[in-house]
Amino acid sequence: MTLEILGISVLWIFLFGYVIVASIDFGAGFFNAYSLLIGKNHILTNIIKRYLSPVWEVTNVFLVFFFVGIVGFFPQTAFYYGTILLVPVSISLVLLAIRGSYYAFESYGARGHIGYTLTYGVAGLLIPASLSVVFAIAAGGYVDIVDGQPVLNYWTLYTSPFAWSIVVLSIAAVLYISAVFLTWYAYKAKDKEATNLMRRYALAWAVPLMVSALGITYEMKFINSESYDNMVNLWWMFAISAVLFIITVVLIWMRKNYGLAVGLLIAQFAVAFFAYGIAQYPYLLYPYLTIYDSFTSTQMAIALVIAFILGLCLLIPSLFLLLKLFLFNKNYVTGKEDNHA
């Protein structure tokens, strides 16, 4: 394995970690706001807040690692993406700041404030929507080189069915991942009403998830035929992901083994996520930038790999401890303990 592949693999792992953890977080905020609007907050609010309270501060750790790593391993990404992502990433950063602030206000200030809750929930859907645009841009067809500078064609991007398919997939994935996880979490808390409600949400968002995923596959052949051919060659990985998806939905439908369903859910997205990443190889921005065009020096790469592996060695035990103290703590989940800040 070359250093280039090792570097992008490490970054892809961190990005996948962010996708899963952030999806649960963003979706939980939305479901909390939605339950308030439809008058079912008495069912979901306590369960969701018991999940969000100990974990909302650490969600963005994976994203910070990814951004630092992508520039460290592949310095030219700063040149290509620095300008073209100014608008979508700026929107995401503003939304992240607003979301964090409003959660703090709602949790530690005016509890139950409908404005804070709705802002927090809506921002949780807009953030993945704005960040997911990066995947569309990276696939190619939206950037031109003008006088040696990359220029993003906003009209082409925002009128592209492929880009909107990715946005829809990001929202559907956030809500589906969160709903499946919270179904299991509510079940662990022995809250039957919350379990049944989140189970219905999980089943409802399974269909848009699959439809949008198929839409992306179809649109890809018009955007980037090379990546589309690679995806076709990796059909077996996507088939495995589809089988895991079906088993997960069946378990949720039959009200059985919610914990296993969460595990299969993570495996499903892991297989599909890495299959998509392999299909884009070796491009970081098609057709202008590959992992080989912009790789850092060997010494820097080795230092970054060591630093990121050590970071994982610190992050994973920390997350395990967090899960053990809160999410997997029977007394905390059932409301018998309330030992978070």
C-alpha atoms as a PDB file:
ATOM      1  CA  MET A   1       0.000   0.000   0.000  1.00  0.00           C
ATOM      2  CA  THR A   2       1.416   3.385  -1.015  1.00  0.00           C
ATOM      3  CA  LEU A   3       1.490   6.373   1.325  1.00  0.00           C
ATOM      4  CA  GLU A   4      -1.049   8.134  -0.902  1.00  0.00           C
ATOM      5  CA  ILE A   5      -3.576   5.323  -0.521  1.00  0.00           C
ATOM      6  CA  LEU A   6      -2.812   4.981   3.191  1.00  0.00           C
ATOM      7  CA  GLY A   7      -3.342   8.707   3.684  1.00  0.00           C
ATOM      8  CA  ILE A   8      -6.670   8.896   1.858  1.00  0.00           C
ATOM      9  CA  SER A   9      -7.832   5.687   3.591  1.00  0.00           C
ATOM     10  CA  VAL A  10      -7.170   7.169   7.035  1.00  0.00           C
ATOM     11  CA  LEU A  11      -9.058  10.331   6.074  1.00  0.00           C
ATOM     12  CA  TRP A  12     -11.959   8.317   4.650  1.00  0.00           C
ATOM     13  CA  ILE A  13     -12.247   6.441   7.959  1.00  0.00           C
ATOM     14  CA  PHE A  14     -12.478   9.728   9.868  1.00  0.00           C
ATOM     15  CA  LEU A  15     -15.024  11.065   7.389  1.00  0.00           C
ATOM     16  CA  PHE A  16     -17.129   7.925   7.745  1.00  0.00           C
ATOM     17  CA  GLY A  17     -16.989   8.269  11.524  1.00  0.00           C
ATOM     18  CA  TYR A  18     -18.292  11.808  11.181  1.00  0.00           C
ATOM     19  CA  VAL A  19     -21.073  10.700   8.824  1.00  0.00           C
ATOM     20  CA  ILE A  20     -22.412   8.179  11.353  1.00  0.00           C
ATOM     21  CA  VAL A  21     -22.003  10.196  14.558  1.00  0.00           C
ATOM     22  CA  ALA A  22     -23.190  13.464  13.012  1.00  0.00           C
ATOM     23  CA  SER A  23     -26.170  11.790  11.327  1.00  0.00           C
ATOM     24  CA  ILE A  24     -27.446  10.506  14.661  1.00  0.00           C
ATOM     25  CA  ASP A  25     -26.896  13.933  16.209  1.00  0.00           C
ATOM     26  CA  PHE A  26     -28.465  15.949  13.367  1.00  0.00           C
ATOM     27  CA  GLY A  27     -31.412  13.596  13.008  1.00  0.00           C
ATOM     28  CA  ALA A  28     -32.086  13.584  16.749  1.00  0.00           C
ATOM     29  CA  GLY A  29     -32.269  17.373  16.743  1.00  0.00           C
ATOM     30  CA  PHE A  30     -34.706  17.344  13.833  1.00  0.00           C
ATOM     31  CA  PHE A  31     -36.945  14.667  15.350  1.00  0.00           C
ATOM     32  CA  ASN A  32     -37.006  16.609  18.605  1.00  0.00           C
ATOM     33  CA  ALA A  33     -38.142  19.747  16.753  1.00  0.00           C
ATOM     34  CA  TYR A  34     -40.644  17.818  14.626  1.00  0.00           C
ATOM     35  CA  SER A  35     -42.165  16.139  17.678  1.00  0.00           C
ATOM     36  CA  LEU A  36     -42.642  19.585  19.196  1.00  0.00           C
ATOM     37  CA  LEU A  37     -44.500  20.775  16.088  1.00  0.00           C
ATOM     38  CA  ILE A  38     -46.876  17.794  15.967  1.00  0.00           C
ATOM     39  CA  GLY A  39     -47.458  17.697  19.702  1.00  0.00           C
ATOM     40  CA  LYS A  40     -45.539  14.496  20.446  1.00  0.00           C
ATOM     41  CA  ASN A  41     -42.636  16.068  22.274  1.00  0.00           C
ATOM     42  CA  HIS A  42     -43.821  14.392  25.484  1.00  0.00           C
ATOM     43  CA  ILE A  43     -42.894  11.081  23.830  1.00  0.00           C
ATOM     44  CA  LEU A  44     -39.503  11.868  22.295  1.00  0.00           C
ATOM     45  CA  THR A  45     -37.964  14.874  24.020  1.00  0.00           C
ATOM     46  CA  ASN A  46     -36.622  13.112  27.110  1.00  0.00           C
ATOM     47  CA  ILE A  47     -35.106  10.231  25.139  1.00  0.00           C
ATOM     48  CA  ILE A  48     -33.478  12.516  22.578  1.00  0.00           C
ATOM     49  CA  LYS A  49     -32.080  14.908  25.160  1.00  0.00           C
ATOM     50  CA  ARG A  50     -30.607  12.032  27.121  1.00  0.00           C
ATOM     51  CA  TYR A  51     -28.704  11.060  23.988  1.00  0.00           C
ATOM     52  CA  LEU A  52     -27.709  14.579  22.893  1.00  0.00           C
ATOM     53  CA  SER A  53     -26.566  15.932  26.247  1.00  0.00           C
ATOM     54  CA  PRO A  54     -23.338  13.909  26.595  1.00  0.00           C
ATOM     55  CA  VAL A  55     -22.365  13.653  22.901  1.00  0.00           C
ATOM     56  CA  TRP A  56     -23.201  16.881  21.070  1.00  0.00           C
ATOM     57  CA  GLU A  57     -19.866  18.498  21.997  1.00  0.00           C
ATOM     58  CA  VAL A  58     -17.740  15.727  20.432  1.00  0.00           C
ATOM     59  CA  THR A  59     -19.564  15.270  17.126  1.00  0.00           C
ATOM     60  CA  ASN A  60     -17.297  17.577  15.138  1.00  0.00           C
ATOM     61  CA  VAL A  61     -14.018  16.016  16.303  1.00  0.00           C
ATOM     62  CA  PHE A  62     -14.043  13.683  13.289  1.00  0.00           C
ATOM     63  CA  LEU A  63     -14.682  16.586  10.908  1.00  0.00           C
ATOM     64  CA  VAL A  64     -11.802  18.626  12.347  1.00  0.00           C
ATOM     65  CA  PHE A  65      -9.445  15.673  11.908  1.00  0.00           C
ATOM     66  CA  PHE A  66     -10.591  15.266   8.305  1.00  0.00           C
ATOM     67  CA  PHE A  67     -10.104  18.911   7.318  1.00  0.00           C
ATOM     68  CA  VAL A  68      -6.681  19.097   8.957  1.00  0.00           C
ATOM     69  CA  GLY A  69      -5.669  15.821   7.332  1.00  0.00           C
ATOM     70  CA  ILE A  70      -6.887  16.596   3.814  1.00  0.00           C
ATOM     71  CA  VAL A  71      -4.796  19.765   3.675  1.00  0.00           C
ATOM     72  CA  GLY A  72      -1.851  18.085   5.401  1.00  0.00           C
ATOM     73  CA  PHE A  73      -1.755  15.031   3.135  1.00  0.00           C
ATOM     74  CA  PHE A  74      -2.853  16.793  -0.061  1.00  0.00           C
ATOM     75  CA  PRO A  75      -1.832  20.485   0.103  1.00  0.00           C
ATOM     76  CA  GLN A  76      -3.169  21.352  -3.364  1.00  0.00           C
ATOM     77  CA  THR A  77      -6.704  20.675  -2.173  1.00  0.00           C
ATOM     78  CA  ALA A  78      -6.463  24.049  -0.423  1.00  0.00           C
ATOM     79  CA  PHE A  79      -5.853  25.716  -3.798  1.00  0.00           C
ATOM     80  CA  TYR A  80      -8.631  23.905  -5.665  1.00  0.00           C
ATOM     81  CA  TYR A  81     -11.267  23.712  -2.951  1.00  0.00           C
ATOM     82  CA  GLY A  82     -10.385  26.859  -1.021  1.00  0.00           C
ATOM     83  CA  THR A  83     -12.232  29.120  -3.456  1.00  0.00           C
ATOM     84  CA  ILE A  84     -14.938  26.897  -4.906  1.00  0.00           C
ATOM     85  CA  LEU A  85     -16.133  25.742  -1.471  1.00  0.00           C
ATOM     86  CA  LEU A  86     -16.155  29.213   0.044  1.00  0.00           C
ATOM     87  CA  VAL A  87     -19.947  29.554  -0.132  1.00  0.00           C
ATOM     88  CA  PRO A  88     -21.173  26.031   0.808  1.00  0.00           C
ATOM     89  CA  VAL A  89     -18.602  25.495   3.573  1.00  0.00           C
ATOM     90  CA  SER A  90     -19.138  29.001   4.960  1.00  0.00           C
ATOM     91  CA  ILE A  91     -22.860  28.261   5.155  1.00  0.00           C
ATOM     92  CA  SER A  92     -22.110  24.992   6.950  1.00  0.00           C
ATOM     93  CA  LEU A  93     -19.791  26.671   9.465  1.00  0.00           C
ATOM     94  CA  VAL A  94     -22.361  29.364  10.226  1.00  0.00           C
ATOM     95  CA  LEU A  95     -25.042  26.707  10.686  1.00  0.00           C
ATOM     96  CA  LEU A  96     -22.748  24.683  12.965  1.00  0.00           C
ATOM     97  CA  ALA A  97     -22.120  27.766  15.098  1.00  0.00           C
ATOM     98  CA  ILE A  98     -25.832  28.619  15.231  1.00  0.00           C
ATOM     99  CA  ARG A  99     -26.762  25.040  16.040  1.00  0.00           C
ATOM    100  CA  GLY A 100     -24.239  24.769  18.858  1.00  0.00           C
ATOM    101  CA  SER A 101     -25.251  28.122  20.323  1.00  0.00           C
ATOM    102  CA  TYR A 102     -28.955  27.407  20.214  1.00  0.00           C
ATOM    103  CA  TYR A 103     -28.465  23.993  21.782  1.00  0.00           C
ATOM    104  CA  ALA A 104     -26.557  25.603  24.637  1.00  0.00           C
ATOM    105  CA  PHE A 105     -29.265  28.267  25.051  1.00  0.00           C
ATOM    106  CA  GLU A 106     -32.031  25.677  25.028  1.00  0.00           C
ATOM    107  CA  SER A 107     -30.262  23.234  27.338  1.00  0.00           C
ATOM    108  CA  TYR A 108     -28.765  25.589  29.888  1.00  0.00           C
ATOM    109  CA  GLY A 109     -30.946  28.667  29.513  1.00  0.00           C
ATOM    110  CA  ALA A 110     -34.593  28.887  28.516  1.00  0.00           C
ATOM    111  CA  ARG A 111     -35.501  25.208  28.512  1.00  0.00           C
ATOM    112  CA  GLY A 112     -38.330  24.258  26.182  1.00  0.00           C
ATOM    113  CA  HIS A 113     -38.003  27.415  24.058  1.00  0.00           C
ATOM    114  CA  ILE A 114     -39.677  26.515  20.765  1.00  0.00           C
ATOM    115  CA  GLY A 115     -37.541  28.916  18.711  1.00  0.00           C
ATOM    116  CA  TYR A 116     -34.279  27.418  19.946  1.00  0.00           C
ATOM    117  CA  THR A 117     -35.538  23.878  19.399  1.00  0.00           C
ATOM    118  CA  LEU A 118     -36.759  24.544  15.850  1.00  0.00           C
ATOM    119  CA  THR A 119     -33.579  26.391  14.874  1.00  0.00           C
ATOM    120  CA  TYR A 120     -31.470  23.540  16.213  1.00  0.00           C
ATOM    121  CA  GLY A 121     -33.542  20.966  14.327  1.00  0.00           C
ATOM    122  CA  VAL A 122     -33.673  22.780  10.978  1.00  0.00           C
ATOM    123  CA  ALA A 123     -29.945  23.560  11.084  1.00  0.00           C
ATOM    124  CA  GLY A 124     -29.325  19.844  11.586  1.00  0.00           C
ATOM    125  CA  LEU A 125     -30.807  19.149   8.141  1.00  0.00           C
ATOM    126  CA  LEU A 126     -29.253  22.117   6.348  1.00  0.00           C
ATOM    127  CA  ILE A 127     -25.704  21.267   7.487  1.00  0.00           C
ATOM    128  CA  PRO A 128     -25.489  17.834   5.803  1.00  0.00           C
ATOM    129  CA  ALA A 129     -27.292  19.244   2.758  1.00  0.00           C
ATOM    130  CA  SER A 130     -24.683  21.996   2.349  1.00  0.00           C
ATOM    131  CA  LEU A 131     -21.713  19.732   3.092  1.00  0.00           C
ATOM    132  CA  SER A 132     -22.908  16.997   0.734  1.00  0.00           C
ATOM    133  CA  VAL A 133     -22.503  19.373  -2.211  1.00  0.00           C
ATOM    134  CA  VAL A 134     -18.756  18.684  -1.919  1.00  0.00           C
ATOM    135  CA  PHE A 135     -19.330  15.112  -3.141  1.00  0.00           C
ATOM    136  CA  ALA A 136     -21.121  16.423  -6.225  1.00  0.00           C
ATOM    137  CA  ILE A 137     -18.353  18.931  -6.959  1.00  0.00           C
ATOM    138  CA  ALA A 138     -15.640  16.296  -6.519  1.00  0.00           C
ATOM    139  CA  ALA A 139     -17.365  14.007  -9.040  1.00  0.00           C
ATOM    140  CA  GLY A 140     -16.642  16.567 -11.765  1.00  0.00           C
ATOM    141  CA  GLY A 141     -18.496  18.692 -14.273  1.00  0.00           C
ATOM    142  CA  TYR A 142     -19.010  21.783 -12.130  1.00  0.00           C
ATOM    143  CA  VAL A 143     -15.545  23.366 -12.032  1.00  0.00           C
ATOM    144  CA  ASP A 144     -13.724  25.193 -14.830  1.00  0.00           C
ATOM    145  CA  ILE A 145     -10.139  26.413 -14.853  1.00  0.00           C
ATOM    146  CA  VAL A 146     -10.130  30.090 -15.850  1.00  0.00           C
ATOM    147  CA  ASP A 147      -6.761  31.866 -16.079  1.00  0.00           C
ATOM    148  CA  GLY A 148      -5.221  29.114 -14.001  1.00  0.00           C
ATOM    149  CA  GLN A 149      -7.822  29.440 -11.238  1.00  0.00           C
ATOM    150  CA  PRO A 150     -10.623  26.972 -10.410  1.00  0.00           C
ATOM    151  CA  VAL A 151     -14.067  28.540 -10.818  1.00  0.00           C
ATOM    152  CA  LEU A 152     -17.279  26.893  -9.645  1.00  0.00           C
ATOM    153  CA  ASN A 153     -20.228  27.071 -12.035  1.00  0.00           C
ATOM    154  CA  TYR A 154     -23.027  27.686  -9.534  1.00  0.00           C
ATOM    155  CA  TRP A 155     -25.819  27.557 -12.104  1.00  0.00           C
ATOM    156  CA  THR A 156     -24.724  24.149 -13.389  1.00  0.00           C
ATOM    157  CA  LEU A 157     -24.322  22.863  -9.843  1.00  0.00           C
ATOM    158  CA  TYR A 158     -27.648  24.051  -8.460  1.00  0.00           C
ATOM    159  CA  THR A 159     -29.620  22.903 -11.502  1.00  0.00           C
ATOM    160  CA  SER A 160     -27.973  19.478 -11.603  1.00  0.00           C
ATOM    161  CA  PRO A 161     -30.177  16.444 -10.854  1.00  0.00           C
ATOM    162  CA  PHE A 162     -27.048  14.636  -9.656  1.00  0.00           C
ATOM    163  CA  ALA A 163     -26.234  17.332  -7.094  1.00  0.00           C
ATOM    164  CA  TRP A 164     -29.811  17.405  -5.827  1.00  0.00           C
ATOM    165  CA  SER A 165     -29.861  13.608  -5.630  1.00  0.00           C
ATOM    166  CA  ILE A 166     -26.850  13.786  -3.323  1.00  0.00           C
ATOM    167  CA  VAL A 167     -28.544  16.461  -1.199  1.00  0.00           C
ATOM    168  CA  VAL A 168     -31.704  14.350  -0.906  1.00  0.00           C
ATOM    169  CA  LEU A 169     -29.617  11.275  -0.068  1.00  0.00           C
ATOM    170  CA  SER A 170     -27.748  13.163   2.657  1.00  0.00           C
ATOM    171  CA  ILE A 171     -30.996  14.258   4.316  1.00  0.00           C
ATOM    172  CA  ALA A 172     -32.621  10.828   3.965  1.00  0.00           C
ATOM    173  CA  ALA A 173     -29.496   9.116   5.318  1.00  0.00           C
ATOM    174  CA  VAL A 174     -29.314  11.461   8.314  1.00  0.00           C
ATOM    175  CA  LEU A 175     -32.932  10.810   9.255  1.00  0.00           C
ATOM    176  CA  TYR A 176     -32.783   7.070   8.586  1.00  0.00           C
ATOM    177  CA  ILE A 177     -29.553   6.504  10.538  1.00  0.00           C
ATOM    178  CA  SER A 178     -30.802   8.604  13.428  1.00  0.00           C
ATOM    179  CA  ALA A 179     -34.234   6.951  13.490  1.00  0.00           C
ATOM    180  CA  VAL A 180     -32.797   3.424  13.551  1.00  0.00           C
ATOM    181  CA  PHE A 181     -30.337   4.303  16.303  1.00  0.00           C
ATOM    182  CA  LEU A 182     -32.946   6.122  18.411  1.00  0.00           C
ATOM    183  CA  THR A 183     -35.337   3.190  18.004  1.00  0.00           C
ATOM    184  CA  TRP A 184     -32.748   0.988  19.667  1.00  0.00           C
ATOM    185  CA  TYR A 185     -31.899   3.674  22.232  1.00  0.00           C
ATOM    186  CA  ALA A 186     -35.559   4.124  23.209  1.00  0.00           C
ATOM    187  CA  TYR A 187     -35.913   0.347  23.430  1.00  0.00           C
ATOM    188  CA  LYS A 188     -32.915   0.230  25.781  1.00  0.00           C
ATOM    189  CA  ALA A 189     -34.616   2.900  27.883  1.00  0.00           C
ATOM    190  CA  LYS A 190     -37.754   0.712  28.019  1.00  0.00           C
ATOM    191  CA  ASP A 191     -39.798   3.554  26.547  1.00  0.00           C
ATOM    192  CA  LYS A 192     -42.370   1.731  24.435  1.00  0.00           C
ATOM    193  CA  GLU A 193     -44.065   4.833  23.011  1.00  0.00           C
ATOM    194  CA  ALA A 194     -40.788   6.386  21.865  1.00  0.00           C
ATOM    195  CA  THR A 195     -39.618   3.052  20.445  1.00  0.00           C
ATOM    196  CA  ASN A 196     -42.763   2.636  18.345  1.00  0.00           C
ATOM    197  CA  LEU A 197     -42.664   6.227  17.099  1.00  0.00           C
ATOM    198  CA  MET A 198     -38.978   6.110  16.092  1.00  0.00           C
ATOM    199  CA  ARG A 199     -39.549   2.709  14.495  1.00  0.00           C
ATOM    200  CA  ARG A 200     -42.206   4.251  12.234  1.00  0.00           C
ATOM    201  CA  TYR A 201     -39.836   7.075  11.313  1.00  0.00           C
ATOM    202  CA  ALA A 202     -37.074   4.568  10.487  1.00  0.00           C
ATOM    203  CA  LEU A 203     -39.337   2.594   8.167  1.00  0.00           C
ATOM    204  CA  ALA A 204     -40.674   5.775   6.565  1.00  0.00           C
ATOM    205  CA  TRP A 205     -37.209   7.105   5.680  1.00  0.00           C
ATOM    206  CA  ALA A 206     -35.911   3.778   4.371  1.00  0.00           C
ATOM    207  CA  VAL A 207     -37.721   4.255   1.048  1.00  0.00           C
ATOM    208  CA  PRO A 208     -36.407   7.786   0.245  1.00  0.00           C
ATOM    209  CA  LEU A 209     -32.927   6.572   1.169  1.00  0.00           C
ATOM    210  CA  MET A 210     -32.979   3.740  -1.359  1.00  0.00           C
ATOM    211  CA  VAL A 211     -34.646   5.811  -4.096  1.00  0.00           C
ATOM    212  CA  SER A 212     -32.120   8.654  -3.777  1.00  0.00           C
ATOM    213  CA  ALA A 213     -29.206   6.174  -3.770  1.00  0.00           C
ATOM    214  CA  LEU A 214     -30.479   4.641  -7.012  1.00  0.00           C
ATOM    215  CA  GLY A 215     -30.951   8.142  -8.421  1.00  0.00           C
ATOM    216  CA  ILE A 216     -27.307   9.015  -7.750  1.00  0.00           C
ATOM    217  CA  THR A 217     -26.152   5.829  -9.462  1.00  0.00           C
ATOM    218  CA  TYR A 218     -28.266   6.619 -12.517  1.00  0.00           C
ATOM    219  CA  GLU A 219     -27.171  10.257 -12.737  1.00  0.00           C
ATOM    220  CA  MET A 220     -23.497   9.393 -12.259  1.00  0.00           C
ATOM    221  CA  LYS A 221     -23.175   7.957 -15.769  1.00  0.00           C
ATOM    222  CA  PHE A 222     -24.035  11.377 -17.225  1.00  0.00           C
ATOM    223  CA  ILE A 223     -21.675  13.256 -14.893  1.00  0.00           C
ATOM    224  CA  ASN A 224     -18.620  11.010 -14.697  1.00  0.00           C
ATOM    225  CA  SER A 225     -18.619   7.894 -16.871  1.00  0.00           C
ATOM    226  CA  GLU A 226     -15.289   6.719 -15.447  1.00  0.00           C
ATOM    227  CA  SER A 227     -16.592   6.689 -11.876  1.00  0.00           C
ATOM    228  CA  TYR A 228     -19.830   5.111 -13.067  1.00  0.00           C
ATOM    229  CA  ASP A 229     -17.907   2.261 -14.706  1.00  0.00           C
ATOM    230  CA  ASN A 230     -15.947   1.787 -11.486  1.00  0.00           C
ATOM    231  CA  MET A 231     -19.200   1.633  -9.518  1.00  0.00           C
ATOM    232  CA  VAL A 232     -20.531  -0.999 -11.915  1.00  0.00           C
ATOM    233  CA  ASN A 233     -17.352  -3.034 -11.406  1.00  0.00           C
ATOM    234  CA  LEU A 234     -17.881  -2.756  -7.650  1.00  0.00           C
ATOM    235  CA  TRP A 235     -21.481  -3.957  -7.909  1.00  0.00           C
ATOM    236  CA  TRP A 236     -20.808  -6.724  -5.401  1.00  0.00           C
ATOM    237  CA  MET A 237     -19.976  -4.209  -2.656  1.00  0.00           C
ATOM    238  CA  PHE A 238     -23.151  -2.251  -3.324  1.00  0.00           C
ATOM    239  CA  ALA A 239     -25.062  -5.550  -3.413  1.00  0.00           C
ATOM    240  CA  ILE A 240     -23.710  -6.428   0.047  1.00  0.00           C
ATOM    241  CA  SER A 241     -24.787  -3.003   1.271  1.00  0.00           C
ATOM    242  CA  ALA A 242     -28.270  -3.526  -0.197  1.00  0.00           C
ATOM    243  CA  VAL A 243     -28.618  -6.916   1.501  1.00  0.00           C
ATOM    244  CA  LEU A 244     -27.584  -5.416   4.844  1.00  0.00           C
ATOM    245  CA  PHE A 245     -30.116  -2.631   4.272  1.00  0.00           C
ATOM    246  CA  ILE A 246     -32.915  -5.132   3.625  1.00  0.00           C
ATOM    247  CA  ILE A 247     -32.046  -7.176   6.722  1.00  0.00           C
ATOM    248  CA  THR A 248     -31.981  -4.002   8.836  1.00  0.00           C
ATOM    249  CA  VAL A 249     -35.408  -2.922   7.582  1.00  0.00           C
ATOM    250  CA  VAL A 250     -36.824  -6.412   8.166  1.00  0.00           C
ATOM    251  CA  LEU A 251     -35.534  -6.441  11.752  1.00  0.00           C
ATOM    252  CA  ILE A 252     -37.060  -3.015  12.402  1.00  0.00           C
ATOM    253  CA  TRP A 253     -40.326  -4.108  10.771  1.00  0.00           C
ATOM    254  CA  MET A 254     -40.479  -7.287  12.879  1.00  0.00           C
ATOM    255  CA  ARG A 255     -39.547  -5.372  16.068  1.00  0.00           C
ATOM    256  CA  LYS A 256     -36.608  -7.691  16.698  1.00  0.00           C
ATOM    257  CA  ASN A 257     -32.933  -7.272  17.596  1.00  0.00           C
ATOM    258  CA  TYR A 258     -32.751  -3.481  17.412  1.00  0.00           C
ATOM    259  CA  GLY A 259     -29.130  -3.591  18.558  1.00  0.00           C
ATOM    260  CA  LEU A 260     -28.225  -5.928  15.694  1.00  0.00           C
ATOM    261  CA  ALA A 261     -30.116  -3.630  13.318  1.00  0.00           C
ATOM    262  CA  VAL A 262     -27.893  -0.712  14.359  1.00  0.00           C
ATOM    263  CA  GLY A 263     -24.779  -2.819  13.772  1.00  0.00           C
ATOM    264  CA  LEU A 264     -25.996  -3.870  10.327  1.00  0.00           C
ATOM    265  CA  LEU A 265     -26.876  -0.254   9.565  1.00  0.00           C
ATOM    266  CA  ILE A 266     -23.310   0.873  10.276  1.00  0.00           C
ATOM    267  CA  ALA A 267     -21.939  -2.024   8.214  1.00  0.00           C
ATOM    268  CA  GLN A 268     -24.298  -1.161   5.348  1.00  0.00           C
ATOM    269  CA  PHE A 269     -23.142   2.437   5.173  1.00  0.00           C
ATOM    270  CA  ALA A 270     -19.495   1.467   5.663  1.00  0.00           C
ATOM    271  CA  VAL A 271     -19.539  -0.871   2.662  1.00  0.00           C
ATOM    272  CA  ALA A 272     -21.385   1.617   0.434  1.00  0.00           C
ATOM    273  CA  PHE A 273     -19.269   4.569   1.597  1.00  0.00           C
ATOM    274  CA  PHE A 274     -15.971   2.832   0.915  1.00  0.00           C
ATOM    275  CA  ALA A 275     -17.247   1.421  -2.381  1.00  0.00           C
ATOM    276  CA  TYR A 276     -18.122   4.949  -3.504  1.00  0.00           C
ATOM    277  CA  GLY A 277     -14.700   6.183  -2.402  1.00  0.00           C
ATOM    278  CA  ILE A 278     -12.931   3.410  -4.319  1.00  0.00           C
ATOM    279  CA  ALA A 279     -15.004   4.241  -7.404  1.00  0.00           C
ATOM    280  CA  GLN A 280     -13.681   7.825  -7.328  1.00  0.00           C
ATOM    281  CA  TYR A 281     -10.045   6.646  -7.150  1.00  0.00           C
ATOM    282  CA  PRO A 282      -7.625   8.283  -7.801  1.00  0.00           C
ATOM    283  CA  TYR A 283      -9.423  11.633  -8.110  1.00  0.00           C
ATOM    284  CA  LEU A 284      -9.919  14.228  -5.413  1.00  0.00           C
ATOM    285  CA  LEU A 285     -11.459  16.613  -7.953  1.00  0.00           C
ATOM    286  CA  TYR A 286     -12.276  15.105 -11.323  1.00  0.00           C
ATOM    287  CA  PRO A 287     -10.487  15.564 -13.715  1.00  0.00           C
ATOM    288  CA  TYR A 288      -8.024  18.100 -12.313  1.00  0.00           C
ATOM    289  CA  LEU A 289      -6.653  16.663  -9.092  1.00  0.00           C
ATOM    290  CA  THR A 290      -5.619  13.160  -8.014  1.00  0.00           C
ATOM    291  CA  ILE A 291      -4.094  11.849  -4.812  1.00  0.00           C
ATOM    292  CA  TYR A 292      -0.784  11.487  -6.660  1.00  0.00           C
ATOM    293  CA  ASP A 293      -0.678  15.035  -8.060  1.00  0.00           C
ATOM    294  CA  SER A 294      -0.836  16.783  -4.730  1.00  0.00           C
ATOM    295  CA  PHE A 295       0.683  14.483  -2.126  1.00  0.00           C
ATOM    296  CA  THR A 296       2.876  15.946   0.583  1.00  0.00           C
ATOM    297  CA  SER A 297       6.494  14.969   1.250  1.00  0.00           C
ATOM    298  CA  THR A 298       7.302  11.479   2.503  1.00  0.00           C
ATOM    299  CA  GLN A 299       8.480  12.746   5.895  1.00  0.00           C
ATOM    300  CA  MET A 300       5.337  14.815   6.375  1.00  0.00           C
ATOM    301  CA  ALA A 301       3.126  11.930   5.267  1.00  0.00           C
ATOM    302  CA  ILE A 302       4.710   9.509   7.741  1.00  0.00           C
ATOM    303  CA  ALA A 303       4.377  12.070  10.538  1.00  0.00           C
ATOM    304  CA  LEU A 304       0.711  12.649   9.683  1.00  0.00           C
ATOM    305  CA  VAL A 305      -0.064   8.930   9.518  1.00  0.00           C
ATOM    306  CA  ILE A 306       1.527   8.401  12.939  1.00  0.00           C
ATOM    307  CA  ALA A 307      -0.299  11.430  14.363  1.00  0.00           C
ATOM    308  CA  PHE A 308      -3.664  10.295  12.999  1.00  0.00           C
ATOM    309  CA  ILE A 309      -3.203   6.726  14.208  1.00  0.00           C
ATOM    310  CA  LEU A 310      -2.335   8.057  17.662  1.00  0.00           C
ATOM    311  CA  GLY A 311      -5.366  10.319  17.393  1.00  0.00           C
ATOM    312  CA  LEU A 312      -7.547   7.295  16.681  1.00  0.00           C
ATOM    313  CA  CYS A 313      -5.971   5.491  19.634  1.00  0.00           C
ATOM    314  CA  LEU A 314      -7.052   8.390  21.853  1.00  0.00           C
ATOM    315  CA  LEU A 315     -10.401   9.058  20.205  1.00  0.00           C
ATOM    316  CA  ILE A 316     -11.761   5.513  20.126  1.00  0.00           C
ATOM    317  CA  PRO A 317     -11.159   4.774  23.856  1.00  0.00           C
ATOM    318  CA  SER A 318     -12.595   8.200  24.704  1.00  0.00           C
ATOM    319  CA  LEU A 319     -15.735   7.478  22.694  1.00  0.00           C
ATOM    320  CA  PHE A 320     -15.973   4.027  24.258  1.00  0.00           C
ATOM    321  CA  LEU A 321     -15.760   5.577  27.719  1.00  0.00           C
ATOM    322  CA  LEU A 322     -18.434   8.111  26.756  1.00  0.00           C
ATOM    323  CA  LEU A 323     -20.692   5.342  25.490  1.00  0.00           C
ATOM    324  CA  LYS A 324     -20.083   3.241  28.586  1.00  0.00           C
ATOM    325  CA  LEU A 325     -20.798   6.091  30.997  1.00  0.00           C
ATOM    326  CA  PHE A 326     -23.901   7.339  29.223  1.00  0.00           C
ATOM    327  CA  LEU A 327     -25.348   5.562  26.194  1.00  0.00           C
ATOM    328  CA  PHE A 328     -24.687   2.034  27.458  1.00  0.00           C
ATOM    329  CA  ASN A 329     -25.305   2.874  31.107  1.00  0.00           C
ATOM    330  CA  LYS A 330     -28.594   1.232  32.008  1.00  0.00           C
ATOM    331  CA  ASN A 331     -29.346   3.645  34.852  1.00  0.00           C
ATOM    332  CA  TYR A 332     -28.601   6.704  32.705  1.00  0.00           C
ATOM    333  CA  VAL A 333     -30.597   5.476  29.711  1.00  0.00           C
ATOM    334  CA  THR A 334     -33.640   4.709  31.855  1.00  0.00           C
ATOM    335  CA  GLY A 335     -33.422   8.074  33.622  1.00  0.00           C
ATOM    336  CA  LYS A 336     -32.303   6.811  37.023  1.00  0.00           C
ATOM    337  CA  GLU A 337     -29.060   8.785  36.756  1.00  0.00           C
ATOM    338  CA  ASP A 338     -28.434  12.260  35.394  1.00  0.00           C
ATOM    339  CA  ASN A 339     -24.694  12.705  35.765  1.00  0.00           C
ATOM    340  CA  HIS A 340     -23.881  14.860  32.747  1.00  0.00           C
ATOM    341  CA  ALA A 341     -23.088  18.562  32.663  1.00  0.00           C
END
